[in-house]
Amino acid sequence: MIGIGGLGHIALQFLNAWGCRVTAFTSSEDKKKEALAMGAHDTLDTRSPGALKAVASRFDLILSTVNAQLDWNAYLTALRSKSRLHFLGVTLDPLNFNVFSLISGQYSVSGSPVGSPATITAMLDFAARHRIEPIVELFEFAQVNHAVSHLASGKARYRVVLAQPGLL
């Protein structure tokens, strides 16, 4: 899984509850420790040269929850043949893939939006049964500017929530 942020930390918990063996791809030592504490079985330091080559043909599915442009061809090499790279996060730039790699590896690339009301209900029921909860930082409405600055700094863990005084 690529990206242990607001969406990724929830995806990690779901994957773990489904019984998947989860590897968190991260470039942050802090996020590495947090991913392991949330249930990741392994982490991969994406800043390390050759890290993706070292896991060539290892994964059946890679989920991306990031909105950054990465070297997607390098991530394809980490997939087993006939496996999938699936996007949940929205990259702002066009994706760049080597078509020969897609064909020779028989990889699938896909993405998905929010589910139907029935799917969301099933997801919330599953989350309740498995105690899957978002990690949030609460701020009062009067602290909105501080909350936005905190979020923009990249220091938020993992979602910022504004609440009325007395509800915190």
C-alpha atoms as a PDB file:
ATOM      1  CA  MET A   1       0.000   0.000   0.000  1.00  0.00           C
ATOM      2  CA  ILE A   2       1.340   3.393  -1.017  1.00  0.00           C
ATOM      3  CA  GLY A   3       0.562   6.292   1.316  1.00  0.00           C
ATOM      4  CA  ILE A   4      -0.084   6.114   5.042  1.00  0.00           C
ATOM      5  CA  GLY A   5      -2.098   9.303   5.388  1.00  0.00           C
ATOM      6  CA  GLY A   6      -5.718  10.216   5.919  1.00  0.00           C
ATOM      7  CA  LEU A   7      -7.075   7.561   3.569  1.00  0.00           C
ATOM      8  CA  GLY A   8      -4.162   5.139   3.747  1.00  0.00           C
ATOM      9  CA  HIS A   9      -4.277   4.613   7.501  1.00  0.00           C
ATOM     10  CA  ILE A  10      -7.913   3.484   7.194  1.00  0.00           C
ATOM     11  CA  ALA A  11      -7.138   1.255   4.195  1.00  0.00           C
ATOM     12  CA  LEU A  12      -4.314  -0.341   6.167  1.00  0.00           C
ATOM     13  CA  GLN A  13      -6.711  -1.218   8.990  1.00  0.00           C
ATOM     14  CA  PHE A  14      -9.278  -2.674   6.561  1.00  0.00           C
ATOM     15  CA  LEU A  15      -6.690  -4.778   4.765  1.00  0.00           C
ATOM     16  CA  ASN A  16      -5.424  -6.118   8.069  1.00  0.00           C
ATOM     17  CA  ALA A  17      -8.979  -6.960   9.240  1.00  0.00           C
ATOM     18  CA  TRP A  18      -9.576  -8.824   5.948  1.00  0.00           C
ATOM     19  CA  GLY A  19      -6.552 -10.988   6.744  1.00  0.00           C
ATOM     20  CA  CYS A  20      -4.278  -9.529   4.082  1.00  0.00           C
ATOM     21  CA  ARG A  21      -0.533  -9.417   4.551  1.00  0.00           C
ATOM     22  CA  VAL A  22       0.089  -5.677   4.348  1.00  0.00           C
ATOM     23  CA  THR A  23       3.287  -3.932   3.293  1.00  0.00           C
ATOM     24  CA  ALA A  24       3.274  -0.166   3.740  1.00  0.00           C
ATOM     25  CA  PHE A  25       5.338   1.806   1.215  1.00  0.00           C
ATOM     26  CA  THR A  26       6.520   4.983   2.924  1.00  0.00           C
ATOM     27  CA  SER A  27       9.303   7.547   2.781  1.00  0.00           C
ATOM     28  CA  SER A  28       8.974   8.579   6.425  1.00  0.00           C
ATOM     29  CA  GLU A  29      10.559   6.867   9.427  1.00  0.00           C
ATOM     30  CA  ASP A  30       7.728   8.142  11.661  1.00  0.00           C
ATOM     31  CA  LYS A  31       5.074   6.752   9.318  1.00  0.00           C
ATOM     32  CA  LYS A  32       6.953   3.441   9.172  1.00  0.00           C
ATOM     33  CA  LYS A  33       6.617   3.020  12.945  1.00  0.00           C
ATOM     34  CA  GLU A  34       2.987   4.159  12.889  1.00  0.00           C
ATOM     35  CA  ALA A  35       2.101   1.794  10.016  1.00  0.00           C
ATOM     36  CA  LEU A  36       3.535  -1.153  11.933  1.00  0.00           C
ATOM     37  CA  ALA A  37       1.579  -0.108  15.043  1.00  0.00           C
ATOM     38  CA  MET A  38      -1.628   0.031  12.939  1.00  0.00           C
ATOM     39  CA  GLY A  39      -1.139  -3.510  11.682  1.00  0.00           C
ATOM     40  CA  ALA A  40       1.205  -3.422   8.694  1.00  0.00           C
ATOM     41  CA  HIS A  41       3.292  -6.579   8.587  1.00  0.00           C
ATOM     42  CA  ASP A  42       6.161  -4.969   6.700  1.00  0.00           C
ATOM     43  CA  THR A  43       7.268  -1.569   5.489  1.00  0.00           C
ATOM     44  CA  LEU A  44       9.292  -0.543   2.496  1.00  0.00           C
ATOM     45  CA  ASP A  45      11.383   2.634   2.530  1.00  0.00           C
ATOM     46  CA  THR A  46      10.668   4.146  -0.879  1.00  0.00           C
ATOM     47  CA  ARG A  47      13.577   6.604  -0.475  1.00  0.00           C
ATOM     48  CA  SER A  48      15.997   3.700  -0.495  1.00  0.00           C
ATOM     49  CA  PRO A  49      17.561   3.170  -3.925  1.00  0.00           C
ATOM     50  CA  GLY A  50      16.653  -0.256  -5.214  1.00  0.00           C
ATOM     51  CA  ALA A  51      13.945  -0.890  -2.600  1.00  0.00           C
ATOM     52  CA  LEU A  52      11.288  -1.558  -5.227  1.00  0.00           C
ATOM     53  CA  LYS A  53      13.654  -3.713  -7.266  1.00  0.00           C
ATOM     54  CA  ALA A  54      14.287  -5.806  -4.139  1.00  0.00           C
ATOM     55  CA  VAL A  55      10.584  -6.724  -4.005  1.00  0.00           C
ATOM     56  CA  ALA A  56      10.157  -7.426  -7.715  1.00  0.00           C
ATOM     57  CA  SER A  57       7.179  -9.679  -8.509  1.00  0.00           C
ATOM     58  CA  ARG A  58       6.142  -9.895  -4.843  1.00  0.00           C
ATOM     59  CA  PHE A  59       2.681  -8.300  -4.640  1.00  0.00           C
ATOM     60  CA  ASP A  60      -0.770  -9.319  -5.882  1.00  0.00           C
ATOM     61  CA  LEU A  61      -2.251  -5.858  -5.313  1.00  0.00           C
ATOM     62  CA  ILE A  62      -0.826  -2.427  -4.664  1.00  0.00           C
ATOM     63  CA  LEU A  63      -3.216   0.267  -3.475  1.00  0.00           C
ATOM     64  CA  SER A  64      -2.228   3.893  -3.923  1.00  0.00           C
ATOM     65  CA  THR A  65      -3.828   6.484  -1.676  1.00  0.00           C
ATOM     66  CA  VAL A  66      -1.433   9.318  -2.561  1.00  0.00           C
ATOM     67  CA  ASN A  67      -2.072  12.356  -4.728  1.00  0.00           C
ATOM     68  CA  ALA A  68       1.560  12.658  -5.813  1.00  0.00           C
ATOM     69  CA  GLN A  69       3.196  11.694  -9.077  1.00  0.00           C
ATOM     70  CA  LEU A  70       5.498   8.722  -8.507  1.00  0.00           C
ATOM     71  CA  ASP A  71       7.517   6.425 -10.733  1.00  0.00           C
ATOM     72  CA  TRP A  72       4.570   4.115 -11.456  1.00  0.00           C
ATOM     73  CA  ASN A  73       6.681   1.870 -13.671  1.00  0.00           C
ATOM     74  CA  ALA A  74       8.857   1.044 -10.648  1.00  0.00           C
ATOM     75  CA  TYR A  75       5.733   0.050  -8.707  1.00  0.00           C
ATOM     76  CA  LEU A  76       4.580  -2.165 -11.578  1.00  0.00           C
ATOM     77  CA  THR A  77       7.794  -4.182 -11.252  1.00  0.00           C
ATOM     78  CA  ALA A  78       6.813  -4.992  -7.641  1.00  0.00           C
ATOM     79  CA  LEU A  79       3.645  -6.731  -8.870  1.00  0.00           C
ATOM     80  CA  ARG A  80       3.353 -10.404  -9.721  1.00  0.00           C
ATOM     81  CA  SER A  81       2.199 -11.199 -13.234  1.00  0.00           C
ATOM     82  CA  LYS A  82      -1.553 -10.650 -13.742  1.00  0.00           C
ATOM     83  CA  SER A  83      -1.782  -8.403 -10.655  1.00  0.00           C
ATOM     84  CA  ARG A  84      -3.255  -4.959 -10.108  1.00  0.00           C
ATOM     85  CA  LEU A  85      -2.218  -1.403  -9.250  1.00  0.00           C
ATOM     86  CA  HIS A  86      -5.347   0.281  -7.905  1.00  0.00           C
ATOM     87  CA  PHE A  87      -5.767   4.010  -7.287  1.00  0.00           C
ATOM     88  CA  LEU A  88      -7.860   5.406  -4.453  1.00  0.00           C
ATOM     89  CA  GLY A  89      -5.945   8.694  -4.278  1.00  0.00           C
ATOM     90  CA  VAL A  90      -6.164  11.113  -7.197  1.00  0.00           C
ATOM     91  CA  THR A  91      -2.918  12.153  -8.828  1.00  0.00           C
ATOM     92  CA  LEU A  92      -3.181  15.557 -10.433  1.00  0.00           C
ATOM     93  CA  ASP A  93      -0.850  14.737 -13.330  1.00  0.00           C
ATOM     94  CA  PRO A  94      -1.415  12.104 -16.022  1.00  0.00           C
ATOM     95  CA  LEU A  95      -0.101   8.637 -15.199  1.00  0.00           C
ATOM     96  CA  ASN A  96       2.963   7.551 -17.124  1.00  0.00           C
ATOM     97  CA  PHE A  97       3.302   3.809 -17.784  1.00  0.00           C
ATOM     98  CA  ASN A  98       5.557   1.778 -20.014  1.00  0.00           C
ATOM     99  CA  VAL A  99       2.956  -0.039 -22.109  1.00  0.00           C
ATOM    100  CA  PHE A 100       5.355  -2.904 -22.842  1.00  0.00           C
ATOM    101  CA  SER A 101       5.610  -3.545 -19.076  1.00  0.00           C
ATOM    102  CA  LEU A 102       1.810  -3.492 -18.756  1.00  0.00           C
ATOM    103  CA  ILE A 103       1.444  -6.010 -21.567  1.00  0.00           C
ATOM    104  CA  SER A 104       4.314  -8.312 -20.656  1.00  0.00           C
ATOM    105  CA  GLY A 105       3.318  -8.439 -16.991  1.00  0.00           C
ATOM    106  CA  GLN A 106      -0.389  -8.604 -17.841  1.00  0.00           C
ATOM    107  CA  TYR A 107      -0.937  -5.972 -15.145  1.00  0.00           C
ATOM    108  CA  SER A 108      -4.210  -4.191 -14.518  1.00  0.00           C
ATOM    109  CA  VAL A 109      -4.417  -0.550 -13.518  1.00  0.00           C
ATOM    110  CA  SER A 110      -7.684   0.623 -12.006  1.00  0.00           C
ATOM    111  CA  GLY A 111      -9.304   3.153  -9.717  1.00  0.00           C
ATOM    112  CA  SER A 112     -12.505   3.475  -7.788  1.00  0.00           C
ATOM    113  CA  PRO A 113     -14.646   6.229  -6.328  1.00  0.00           C
ATOM    114  CA  VAL A 114     -16.852   6.120  -3.257  1.00  0.00           C
ATOM    115  CA  GLY A 115     -19.139   3.091  -3.161  1.00  0.00           C
ATOM    116  CA  SER A 116     -22.910   2.879  -3.345  1.00  0.00           C
ATOM    117  CA  PRO A 117     -25.024   3.529  -0.213  1.00  0.00           C
ATOM    118  CA  ALA A 118     -25.309  -0.257   0.302  1.00  0.00           C
ATOM    119  CA  THR A 119     -21.533  -0.686   0.003  1.00  0.00           C
ATOM    120  CA  ILE A 120     -20.918   2.178   2.428  1.00  0.00           C
ATOM    121  CA  THR A 121     -23.354   0.616   4.927  1.00  0.00           C
ATOM    122  CA  ALA A 122     -21.563  -2.738   4.660  1.00  0.00           C
ATOM    123  CA  MET A 123     -18.214  -0.982   5.085  1.00  0.00           C
ATOM    124  CA  LEU A 124     -19.373   0.866   8.214  1.00  0.00           C
ATOM    125  CA  ASP A 125     -20.774  -2.366   9.691  1.00  0.00           C
ATOM    126  CA  PHE A 126     -17.448  -4.105   9.014  1.00  0.00           C
ATOM    127  CA  ALA A 127     -15.524  -1.184  10.547  1.00  0.00           C
ATOM    128  CA  ALA A 128     -17.678  -1.315  13.680  1.00  0.00           C
ATOM    129  CA  ARG A 129     -17.234  -5.094  14.045  1.00  0.00           C
ATOM    130  CA  HIS A 130     -13.457  -4.814  13.673  1.00  0.00           C
ATOM    131  CA  ARG A 131     -13.062  -1.556  15.607  1.00  0.00           C
ATOM    132  CA  ILE A 132     -11.612   0.280  12.634  1.00  0.00           C
ATOM    133  CA  GLU A 133     -11.478   3.959  13.493  1.00  0.00           C
ATOM    134  CA  PRO A 134      -9.805   6.985  11.977  1.00  0.00           C
ATOM    135  CA  ILE A 135      -7.033   8.674  13.887  1.00  0.00           C
ATOM    136  CA  VAL A 136      -8.041  12.310  14.192  1.00  0.00           C
ATOM    137  CA  GLU A 137      -6.813  15.549  15.674  1.00  0.00           C
ATOM    138  CA  LEU A 138      -9.603  17.731  17.025  1.00  0.00           C
ATOM    139  CA  PHE A 139      -9.638  21.522  16.814  1.00  0.00           C
ATOM    140  CA  GLU A 140     -12.311  23.976  17.890  1.00  0.00           C
ATOM    141  CA  PHE A 141     -13.817  26.131  15.143  1.00  0.00           C
ATOM    142  CA  ALA A 142     -12.044  29.151  16.631  1.00  0.00           C
ATOM    143  CA  GLN A 143      -8.750  27.365  15.830  1.00  0.00           C
ATOM    144  CA  VAL A 144      -9.584  26.905  12.148  1.00  0.00           C
ATOM    145  CA  ASN A 145      -6.566  28.882  10.900  1.00  0.00           C
ATOM    146  CA  HIS A 146      -4.230  26.880  13.121  1.00  0.00           C
ATOM    147  CA  ALA A 147      -5.888  23.636  11.987  1.00  0.00           C
ATOM    148  CA  VAL A 148      -5.449  24.549   8.308  1.00  0.00           C
ATOM    149  CA  SER A 149      -1.790  25.494   8.879  1.00  0.00           C
ATOM    150  CA  HIS A 150      -1.226  22.233  10.745  1.00  0.00           C
ATOM    151  CA  LEU A 151      -2.773  20.288   7.879  1.00  0.00           C
ATOM    152  CA  ALA A 152      -0.801  22.207   5.228  1.00  0.00           C
ATOM    153  CA  SER A 153       2.453  21.557   7.109  1.00  0.00           C
ATOM    154  CA  GLY A 154       2.015  17.806   6.632  1.00  0.00           C
ATOM    155  CA  LYS A 155       2.163  17.216  10.381  1.00  0.00           C
ATOM    156  CA  ALA A 156      -1.487  16.209  10.796  1.00  0.00           C
ATOM    157  CA  ARG A 157      -2.060  12.645  11.984  1.00  0.00           C
ATOM    158  CA  TYR A 158      -4.241  11.541  10.144  1.00  0.00           C
ATOM    159  CA  ARG A 159      -7.355  13.613   9.770  1.00  0.00           C
ATOM    160  CA  VAL A 160      -8.123  17.080  11.113  1.00  0.00           C
ATOM    161  CA  VAL A 161     -11.624  17.546  12.497  1.00  0.00           C
ATOM    162  CA  LEU A 162     -13.244  20.829  13.513  1.00  0.00           C
ATOM    163  CA  ALA A 163     -15.749  20.704  16.374  1.00  0.00           C
ATOM    164  CA  GLN A 164     -17.792  23.130  18.411  1.00  0.00           C
ATOM    165  CA  PRO A 165     -16.495  23.952  21.882  1.00  0.00           C
ATOM    166  CA  GLY A 166     -17.789  21.510  24.457  1.00  0.00           C
ATOM    167  CA  LEU A 167     -17.780  18.612  21.972  1.00  0.00           C
ATOM    168  CA  LEU A 168     -14.058  17.982  22.272  1.00  0.00           C
END
